[in-house]
Amino acid sequence: MKNMEGIKQMVDVDKLLPSKRLREEFERFEAMTVEEQKDFKTEVVDYFSSLTDEGKQAYVQDIQTGIDALVGTVSDLKERLKEREIFDALSMNYIAKTYFNKSASWLYHRLNGNTVKGKVVQFSEKEKQQFAEALRDLSRRLEDTAGSFA
């Protein structure tokens, strides 16, 4: 699973691969050579053909659930990239210290949903409101400063 660790940092792989079988198939496929992947595709087609109608329906539903989750994940990542562009223009160190009395890494971990000490860290509801207010405050201050140059 050479690429899975990086992916797991960004998305919930269990949502993309909702069944144990799909996760196992993906892990096997990822480790294969191109030639082995061709044989694997035949194996999956044969497996699918051997399923009952209900089994086929469940397998297809698992794949559809994963596709739906992938679409949602891509949308989320696009939003995060837009936010990151804005955040790159701001000093996260300043925001972390001024509005939270914390380090920049503390703020970045929460913005990115990183895993710290085995736990995914996020803003609490209070911290979300505090961050939103910090951005509003900076916005007002930037607008006032821009007005002094106009």
N, C-alpha and C. Protein backbone atom coordinates (compact mmCIF):
# COMPACT_ATOMS: atom_id res chain seq x y z
N MET A 1 0.83 -1.18 0.00
CA MET A 1 0.00 0.00 0.00
C MET A 1 0.88 1.25 0.00
N LYS A 2 1.68 1.40 -1.02
CA LYS A 2 2.65 2.48 -1.04
C LYS A 2 2.02 3.86 -1.06
N ASN A 3 0.91 4.06 -1.73
CA ASN A 3 0.29 5.39 -1.81
C ASN A 3 -0.82 5.60 -0.79
N MET A 4 -1.25 4.56 -0.14
CA MET A 4 -2.40 4.65 0.75
C MET A 4 -2.16 5.55 1.95
N GLU A 5 -0.95 5.58 2.49
CA GLU A 5 -0.70 6.38 3.68
C GLU A 5 -0.92 7.86 3.40
N GLY A 6 -0.42 8.35 2.28
CA GLY A 6 -0.65 9.75 1.92
C GLY A 6 -2.12 10.03 1.67
N ILE A 7 -2.80 9.10 1.04
CA ILE A 7 -4.22 9.26 0.76
C ILE A 7 -5.00 9.25 2.06
N LYS A 8 -4.65 8.37 2.99
CA LYS A 8 -5.36 8.27 4.27
C LYS A 8 -5.26 9.56 5.06
N GLN A 9 -4.19 10.34 4.86
CA GLN A 9 -4.06 11.62 5.55
C GLN A 9 -5.08 12.62 5.03
N MET A 10 -5.50 12.48 3.77
CA MET A 10 -6.39 13.46 3.16
C MET A 10 -7.86 13.05 3.15
N VAL A 11 -8.13 11.77 3.04
CA VAL A 11 -9.51 11.32 2.88
C VAL A 11 -9.78 10.09 3.72
N ASP A 12 -11.05 9.82 3.92
CA ASP A 12 -11.47 8.62 4.64
C ASP A 12 -11.59 7.49 3.62
N VAL A 13 -10.56 6.67 3.55
CA VAL A 13 -10.50 5.59 2.56
C VAL A 13 -11.66 4.62 2.75
N ASP A 14 -12.10 4.42 3.97
CA ASP A 14 -13.21 3.50 4.21
C ASP A 14 -14.49 3.97 3.51
N LYS A 15 -14.64 5.27 3.30
CA LYS A 15 -15.80 5.77 2.56
C LYS A 15 -15.65 5.50 1.08
N LEU A 16 -14.42 5.59 0.58
CA LEU A 16 -14.18 5.35 -0.85
C LEU A 16 -14.24 3.87 -1.19
N LEU A 17 -13.85 3.04 -0.23
CA LEU A 17 -13.85 1.59 -0.40
C LEU A 17 -14.68 1.00 0.75
N PRO A 18 -16.02 1.07 0.63
CA PRO A 18 -16.88 0.78 1.78
C PRO A 18 -16.97 -0.68 2.22
N SER A 19 -16.49 -1.61 1.41
CA SER A 19 -16.55 -3.01 1.85
C SER A 19 -15.15 -3.57 2.01
N LYS A 20 -15.05 -4.58 2.84
CA LYS A 20 -13.77 -5.24 3.08
C LYS A 20 -13.22 -5.79 1.76
N ARG A 21 -14.09 -6.37 0.97
CA ARG A 21 -13.65 -6.94 -0.32
C ARG A 21 -13.04 -5.87 -1.22
N LEU A 22 -13.68 -4.69 -1.34
CA LEU A 22 -13.14 -3.63 -2.19
C LEU A 22 -11.80 -3.13 -1.66
N ARG A 23 -11.67 -2.99 -0.35
CA ARG A 23 -10.39 -2.56 0.23
C ARG A 23 -9.29 -3.58 -0.07
N GLU A 24 -9.62 -4.86 0.10
CA GLU A 24 -8.64 -5.91 -0.18
C GLU A 24 -8.26 -5.93 -1.66
N GLU A 25 -9.25 -5.78 -2.54
CA GLU A 25 -8.98 -5.75 -3.98
C GLU A 25 -8.07 -4.56 -4.33
N PHE A 26 -8.37 -3.42 -3.75
CA PHE A 26 -7.57 -2.23 -4.03
C PHE A 26 -6.13 -2.42 -3.56
N GLU A 27 -5.96 -2.94 -2.36
CA GLU A 27 -4.62 -3.15 -1.81
C GLU A 27 -3.82 -4.12 -2.68
N ARG A 28 -4.47 -5.20 -3.11
CA ARG A 28 -3.80 -6.17 -3.98
C ARG A 28 -3.44 -5.53 -5.32
N PHE A 29 -4.40 -4.79 -5.90
CA PHE A 29 -4.20 -4.17 -7.21
C PHE A 29 -3.05 -3.16 -7.17
N GLU A 30 -2.99 -2.39 -6.11
CA GLU A 30 -1.96 -1.35 -6.00
C GLU A 30 -0.55 -1.94 -5.98
N ALA A 31 -0.40 -3.13 -5.44
CA ALA A 31 0.91 -3.76 -5.31
C ALA A 31 1.33 -4.53 -6.57
N MET A 32 0.45 -4.62 -7.56
CA MET A 32 0.70 -5.44 -8.73
C MET A 32 1.46 -4.70 -9.83
N THR A 33 2.11 -5.49 -10.67
CA THR A 33 2.71 -4.96 -11.90
C THR A 33 1.59 -4.77 -12.92
N VAL A 34 1.89 -4.11 -14.02
CA VAL A 34 0.89 -3.88 -15.07
C VAL A 34 0.36 -5.21 -15.60
N GLU A 35 1.24 -6.17 -15.80
CA GLU A 35 0.81 -7.49 -16.28
C GLU A 35 -0.12 -8.17 -15.28
N GLU A 36 0.24 -8.13 -14.01
CA GLU A 36 -0.58 -8.73 -12.97
C GLU A 36 -1.95 -8.04 -12.88
N GLN A 37 -1.96 -6.74 -13.13
CA GLN A 37 -3.22 -5.99 -13.09
C GLN A 37 -4.18 -6.47 -14.19
N LYS A 38 -3.65 -6.80 -15.35
CA LYS A 38 -4.49 -7.31 -16.43
C LYS A 38 -5.16 -8.62 -16.01
N ASP A 39 -4.37 -9.52 -15.41
CA ASP A 39 -4.91 -10.79 -14.93
C ASP A 39 -5.94 -10.55 -13.82
N PHE A 40 -5.64 -9.59 -12.97
CA PHE A 40 -6.53 -9.27 -11.86
C PHE A 40 -7.89 -8.79 -12.38
N LYS A 41 -7.89 -7.99 -13.41
CA LYS A 41 -9.15 -7.51 -13.99
C LYS A 41 -10.01 -8.68 -14.44
N THR A 42 -9.39 -9.67 -15.06
CA THR A 42 -10.12 -10.88 -15.47
C THR A 42 -10.66 -11.61 -14.25
N GLU A 43 -9.85 -11.68 -13.20
CA GLU A 43 -10.27 -12.34 -11.96
C GLU A 43 -11.50 -11.65 -11.36
N VAL A 44 -11.51 -10.33 -11.37
CA VAL A 44 -12.64 -9.58 -10.81
C VAL A 44 -13.90 -9.80 -11.66
N VAL A 45 -13.75 -9.81 -12.97
CA VAL A 45 -14.89 -10.06 -13.86
C VAL A 45 -15.44 -11.46 -13.60
N ASP A 46 -14.55 -12.43 -13.46
CA ASP A 46 -14.99 -13.80 -13.18
C ASP A 46 -15.70 -13.88 -11.83
N TYR A 47 -15.15 -13.19 -10.83
CA TYR A 47 -15.78 -13.17 -9.50
C TYR A 47 -17.18 -12.57 -9.61
N PHE A 48 -17.30 -11.44 -10.29
CA PHE A 48 -18.59 -10.78 -10.42
C PHE A 48 -19.60 -11.69 -11.13
N SER A 49 -19.14 -12.35 -12.17
CA SER A 49 -20.02 -13.26 -12.92
C SER A 49 -20.52 -14.41 -12.06
N SER A 50 -19.73 -14.79 -11.06
CA SER A 50 -20.12 -15.92 -10.21
C SER A 50 -21.13 -15.53 -9.13
N LEU A 51 -21.37 -14.25 -8.94
CA LEU A 51 -22.27 -13.80 -7.88
C LEU A 51 -23.74 -14.02 -8.25
N THR A 52 -24.55 -14.16 -7.23
CA THR A 52 -26.00 -14.18 -7.44
C THR A 52 -26.44 -12.77 -7.82
N ASP A 53 -27.67 -12.63 -8.24
CA ASP A 53 -28.18 -11.30 -8.59
C ASP A 53 -28.09 -10.35 -7.40
N GLU A 54 -28.42 -10.87 -6.20
CA GLU A 54 -28.33 -10.03 -5.00
C GLU A 54 -26.88 -9.66 -4.71
N GLY A 55 -25.98 -10.61 -4.90
CA GLY A 55 -24.55 -10.35 -4.68
C GLY A 55 -24.01 -9.31 -5.65
N LYS A 56 -24.45 -9.43 -6.92
CA LYS A 56 -24.04 -8.44 -7.92
C LYS A 56 -24.56 -7.06 -7.55
N GLN A 57 -25.81 -7.02 -7.12
CA GLN A 57 -26.41 -5.74 -6.73
C GLN A 57 -25.66 -5.12 -5.55
N ALA A 58 -25.30 -5.92 -4.58
CA ALA A 58 -24.57 -5.43 -3.41
C ALA A 58 -23.18 -4.94 -3.81
N TYR A 59 -22.51 -5.69 -4.68
CA TYR A 59 -21.16 -5.32 -5.13
C TYR A 59 -21.21 -3.98 -5.88
N VAL A 60 -22.18 -3.87 -6.79
CA VAL A 60 -22.34 -2.63 -7.56
C VAL A 60 -22.71 -1.47 -6.62
N GLN A 61 -23.55 -1.74 -5.63
CA GLN A 61 -23.93 -0.70 -4.68
C GLN A 61 -22.71 -0.22 -3.88
N ASP A 62 -21.85 -1.14 -3.48
CA ASP A 62 -20.61 -0.75 -2.78
C ASP A 62 -19.75 0.15 -3.66
N ILE A 63 -19.63 -0.22 -4.92
CA ILE A 63 -18.84 0.61 -5.86
C ILE A 63 -19.49 1.98 -6.02
N GLN A 64 -20.82 2.01 -6.16
CA GLN A 64 -21.52 3.30 -6.31
C GLN A 64 -21.36 4.16 -5.07
N THR A 65 -21.42 3.56 -3.90
CA THR A 65 -21.21 4.29 -2.65
C THR A 65 -19.81 4.90 -2.63
N GLY A 66 -18.83 4.12 -3.07
CA GLY A 66 -17.45 4.63 -3.14
C GLY A 66 -17.31 5.77 -4.13
N ILE A 67 -17.97 5.64 -5.27
CA ILE A 67 -17.92 6.71 -6.28
C ILE A 67 -18.57 7.98 -5.74
N ASP A 68 -19.71 7.84 -5.09
CA ASP A 68 -20.37 9.00 -4.49
C ASP A 68 -19.48 9.67 -3.45
N ALA A 69 -18.81 8.87 -2.64
CA ALA A 69 -17.90 9.41 -1.64
C ALA A 69 -16.72 10.10 -2.31
N LEU A 70 -16.24 9.53 -3.41
CA LEU A 70 -15.13 10.14 -4.13
C LEU A 70 -15.52 11.50 -4.69
N VAL A 71 -16.71 11.60 -5.25
CA VAL A 71 -17.19 12.88 -5.78
C VAL A 71 -17.25 13.92 -4.66
N GLY A 72 -17.77 13.52 -3.51
CA GLY A 72 -17.82 14.43 -2.37
C GLY A 72 -16.44 14.82 -1.88
N THR A 73 -15.53 13.87 -1.88
CA THR A 73 -14.16 14.12 -1.45
C THR A 73 -13.46 15.10 -2.39
N VAL A 74 -13.65 14.92 -3.68
CA VAL A 74 -13.05 15.83 -4.66
C VAL A 74 -13.58 17.24 -4.46
N SER A 75 -14.88 17.37 -4.23
CA SER A 75 -15.46 18.69 -3.97
C SER A 75 -14.87 19.31 -2.72
N ASP A 76 -14.73 18.51 -1.67
CA ASP A 76 -14.14 19.00 -0.42
C ASP A 76 -12.70 19.45 -0.64
N LEU A 77 -11.94 18.66 -1.40
CA LEU A 77 -10.54 19.01 -1.65
C LEU A 77 -10.43 20.28 -2.48
N LYS A 78 -11.34 20.46 -3.43
CA LYS A 78 -11.34 21.70 -4.22
C LYS A 78 -11.60 22.90 -3.32
N GLU A 79 -12.52 22.77 -2.39
CA GLU A 79 -12.79 23.86 -1.45
C GLU A 79 -11.58 24.13 -0.57
N ARG A 80 -10.94 23.06 -0.12
CA ARG A 80 -9.75 23.23 0.72
C ARG A 80 -8.63 23.92 -0.04
N LEU A 81 -8.49 23.63 -1.34
CA LEU A 81 -7.46 24.30 -2.14
C LEU A 81 -7.76 25.79 -2.28
N LYS A 82 -9.04 26.13 -2.46
CA LYS A 82 -9.42 27.55 -2.51
C LYS A 82 -9.08 28.23 -1.20
N GLU A 83 -9.42 27.58 -0.10
CA GLU A 83 -9.12 28.14 1.23
C GLU A 83 -7.62 28.28 1.41
N ARG A 84 -6.87 27.27 0.99
CA ARG A 84 -5.42 27.31 1.16
C ARG A 84 -4.82 28.51 0.44
N GLU A 85 -5.35 28.84 -0.73
CA GLU A 85 -4.86 29.99 -1.48
C GLU A 85 -5.04 31.26 -0.65
N ILE A 86 -6.17 31.39 0.01
CA ILE A 86 -6.41 32.55 0.87
C ILE A 86 -5.50 32.48 2.09
N PHE A 87 -5.40 31.30 2.68
CA PHE A 87 -4.59 31.16 3.89
C PHE A 87 -3.11 31.43 3.60
N ASP A 88 -2.65 31.13 2.38
CA ASP A 88 -1.27 31.41 2.03
C ASP A 88 -0.98 32.91 2.06
N ALA A 89 -2.01 33.71 1.85
CA ALA A 89 -1.83 35.17 1.87
C ALA A 89 -1.83 35.73 3.30
N LEU A 90 -2.23 34.92 4.25
CA LEU A 90 -2.31 35.36 5.65
C LEU A 90 -1.22 34.70 6.48
N SER A 91 -0.88 35.32 7.58
CA SER A 91 0.08 34.73 8.50
C SER A 91 -0.66 33.85 9.49
N MET A 92 -0.53 32.54 9.29
CA MET A 92 -1.18 31.62 10.21
C MET A 92 -0.54 31.70 11.60
N ASN A 93 0.75 32.02 11.63
CA ASN A 93 1.43 32.19 12.90
C ASN A 93 0.78 33.35 13.68
N TYR A 94 0.54 34.47 13.00
CA TYR A 94 -0.09 35.62 13.64
C TYR A 94 -1.49 35.27 14.14
N ILE A 95 -2.28 34.62 13.29
CA ILE A 95 -3.65 34.26 13.67
C ILE A 95 -3.64 33.30 14.86
N ALA A 96 -2.78 32.30 14.80
CA ALA A 96 -2.72 31.31 15.89
C ALA A 96 -2.37 31.97 17.22
N LYS A 97 -1.36 32.83 17.19
CA LYS A 97 -0.91 33.47 18.44
C LYS A 97 -1.88 34.53 18.91
N THR A 98 -2.37 35.37 18.00
CA THR A 98 -3.22 36.50 18.38
C THR A 98 -4.61 36.07 18.81
N TYR A 99 -5.21 35.15 18.08
CA TYR A 99 -6.61 34.81 18.32
C TYR A 99 -6.80 33.54 19.15
N PHE A 100 -5.77 32.69 19.22
CA PHE A 100 -5.92 31.43 19.94
C PHE A 100 -4.87 31.23 21.04
N ASN A 101 -3.83 32.06 21.01
CA ASN A 101 -2.70 31.89 21.93
C ASN A 101 -2.10 30.48 21.78
N LYS A 102 -1.99 30.06 20.52
CA LYS A 102 -1.45 28.73 20.19
C LYS A 102 -0.38 28.89 19.13
N SER A 103 0.26 27.79 18.77
CA SER A 103 1.30 27.80 17.74
C SER A 103 0.67 27.69 16.35
N ALA A 104 1.46 28.07 15.35
CA ALA A 104 0.99 27.94 13.96
C ALA A 104 0.73 26.48 13.62
N SER A 105 1.57 25.56 14.13
CA SER A 105 1.37 24.14 13.82
C SER A 105 0.04 23.65 14.39
N TRP A 106 -0.35 24.15 15.57
CA TRP A 106 -1.64 23.80 16.16
C TRP A 106 -2.75 24.18 15.18
N LEU A 107 -2.65 25.39 14.63
CA LEU A 107 -3.68 25.87 13.70
C LEU A 107 -3.67 25.06 12.41
N TYR A 108 -2.49 24.85 11.83
CA TYR A 108 -2.40 24.07 10.59
C TYR A 108 -2.95 22.66 10.76
N HIS A 109 -2.66 22.03 11.89
CA HIS A 109 -3.18 20.67 12.12
C HIS A 109 -4.70 20.66 12.04
N ARG A 110 -5.35 21.65 12.62
CA ARG A 110 -6.81 21.70 12.63
C ARG A 110 -7.37 22.08 11.26
N LEU A 111 -6.71 23.00 10.59
CA LEU A 111 -7.17 23.38 9.25
C LEU A 111 -7.09 22.21 8.28
N ASN A 112 -6.07 21.39 8.43
CA ASN A 112 -5.85 20.28 7.49
C ASN A 112 -6.43 18.96 7.98
N GLY A 113 -6.97 18.92 9.20
CA GLY A 113 -7.51 17.66 9.72
C GLY A 113 -6.44 16.60 9.89
N ASN A 114 -5.25 17.00 10.32
CA ASN A 114 -4.14 16.07 10.47
C ASN A 114 -4.36 15.11 11.64
N THR A 115 -3.60 14.03 11.60
CA THR A 115 -3.60 13.08 12.70
C THR A 115 -2.46 13.43 13.63
N VAL A 116 -2.78 13.66 14.88
CA VAL A 116 -1.79 14.00 15.90
C VAL A 116 -1.94 13.00 17.04
N LYS A 117 -0.85 12.32 17.35
CA LYS A 117 -0.86 11.29 18.40
C LYS A 117 -1.97 10.26 18.17
N GLY A 118 -2.13 9.87 16.90
CA GLY A 118 -3.09 8.84 16.54
C GLY A 118 -4.54 9.29 16.45
N LYS A 119 -4.79 10.60 16.57
CA LYS A 119 -6.16 11.11 16.55
C LYS A 119 -6.27 12.25 15.54
N VAL A 120 -7.33 12.22 14.72
CA VAL A 120 -7.56 13.31 13.78
C VAL A 120 -8.03 14.52 14.58
N VAL A 121 -7.33 15.64 14.39
CA VAL A 121 -7.68 16.84 15.14
C VAL A 121 -8.50 17.78 14.27
N GLN A 122 -9.48 18.40 14.90
CA GLN A 122 -10.37 19.33 14.22
C GLN A 122 -10.66 20.48 15.18
N PHE A 123 -11.21 21.55 14.61
CA PHE A 123 -11.68 22.64 15.45
C PHE A 123 -12.92 22.19 16.22
N SER A 124 -13.02 22.62 17.46
CA SER A 124 -14.28 22.45 18.18
C SER A 124 -15.24 23.48 17.59
N GLU A 125 -16.50 23.39 17.93
CA GLU A 125 -17.47 24.37 17.42
C GLU A 125 -17.09 25.78 17.87
N LYS A 126 -16.65 25.90 19.11
CA LYS A 126 -16.23 27.21 19.63
C LYS A 126 -15.02 27.73 18.84
N GLU A 127 -14.07 26.85 18.55
CA GLU A 127 -12.88 27.26 17.80
C GLU A 127 -13.22 27.63 16.37
N LYS A 128 -14.20 26.94 15.76
CA LYS A 128 -14.65 27.31 14.42
C LYS A 128 -15.19 28.74 14.42
N GLN A 129 -16.01 29.04 15.41
CA GLN A 129 -16.57 30.39 15.52
C GLN A 129 -15.45 31.40 15.77
N GLN A 130 -14.51 31.04 16.61
CA GLN A 130 -13.38 31.92 16.92
C GLN A 130 -12.54 32.18 15.67
N PHE A 131 -12.31 31.14 14.87
CA PHE A 131 -11.54 31.30 13.64
C PHE A 131 -12.30 32.19 12.65
N ALA A 132 -13.59 31.95 12.51
CA ALA A 132 -14.40 32.77 11.61
C ALA A 132 -14.35 34.24 12.04
N GLU A 133 -14.44 34.49 13.33
CA GLU A 133 -14.39 35.86 13.84
C GLU A 133 -13.01 36.47 13.62
N ALA A 134 -11.96 35.68 13.75
CA ALA A 134 -10.60 36.16 13.48
C ALA A 134 -10.49 36.61 12.02
N LEU A 135 -11.03 35.80 11.10
CA LEU A 135 -10.99 36.17 9.68
C LEU A 135 -11.81 37.44 9.42
N ARG A 136 -12.97 37.56 10.08
CA ARG A 136 -13.79 38.78 9.93
C ARG A 136 -13.04 40.01 10.45
N ASP A 137 -12.37 39.84 11.60
CA ASP A 137 -11.61 40.94 12.18
C ASP A 137 -10.49 41.36 11.23
N LEU A 138 -9.76 40.38 10.70
CA LEU A 138 -8.70 40.70 9.75
C LEU A 138 -9.26 41.37 8.49
N SER A 139 -10.40 40.90 8.05
CA SER A 139 -11.05 41.49 6.89
C SER A 139 -11.38 42.97 7.13
N ARG A 140 -11.95 43.26 8.28
CA ARG A 140 -12.27 44.66 8.62
C ARG A 140 -11.00 45.50 8.67
N ARG A 141 -9.96 44.94 9.29
CA ARG A 141 -8.71 45.68 9.41
C ARG A 141 -8.06 45.91 8.06
N LEU A 142 -8.12 44.92 7.17
CA LEU A 142 -7.59 45.09 5.83
C LEU A 142 -8.39 46.14 5.06
N GLU A 143 -9.70 46.10 5.20
CA GLU A 143 -10.56 47.07 4.51
C GLU A 143 -10.24 48.49 5.00
N ASP A 144 -10.08 48.67 6.31
CA ASP A 144 -9.73 49.99 6.86
C ASP A 144 -8.39 50.45 6.33
N THR A 145 -7.42 49.53 6.27
CA THR A 145 -6.10 49.88 5.78
C THR A 145 -6.16 50.23 4.29
N ALA A 146 -6.93 49.46 3.53
CA ALA A 146 -7.07 49.75 2.09
C ALA A 146 -7.70 51.13 1.90
N GLY A 147 -8.67 51.46 2.75
CA GLY A 147 -9.32 52.76 2.65
C GLY A 147 -8.37 53.91 2.88
N SER A 148 -7.35 53.70 3.69
CA SER A 148 -6.40 54.78 3.95
C SER A 148 -5.49 55.05 2.75
N PHE A 149 -5.46 54.11 1.79
CA PHE A 149 -4.65 54.31 0.59
C PHE A 149 -5.47 54.81 -0.59
N ALA A 150 -6.77 54.80 -0.46
CA ALA A 150 -7.63 55.20 -1.59
C ALA A 150 -7.81 56.68 -1.66
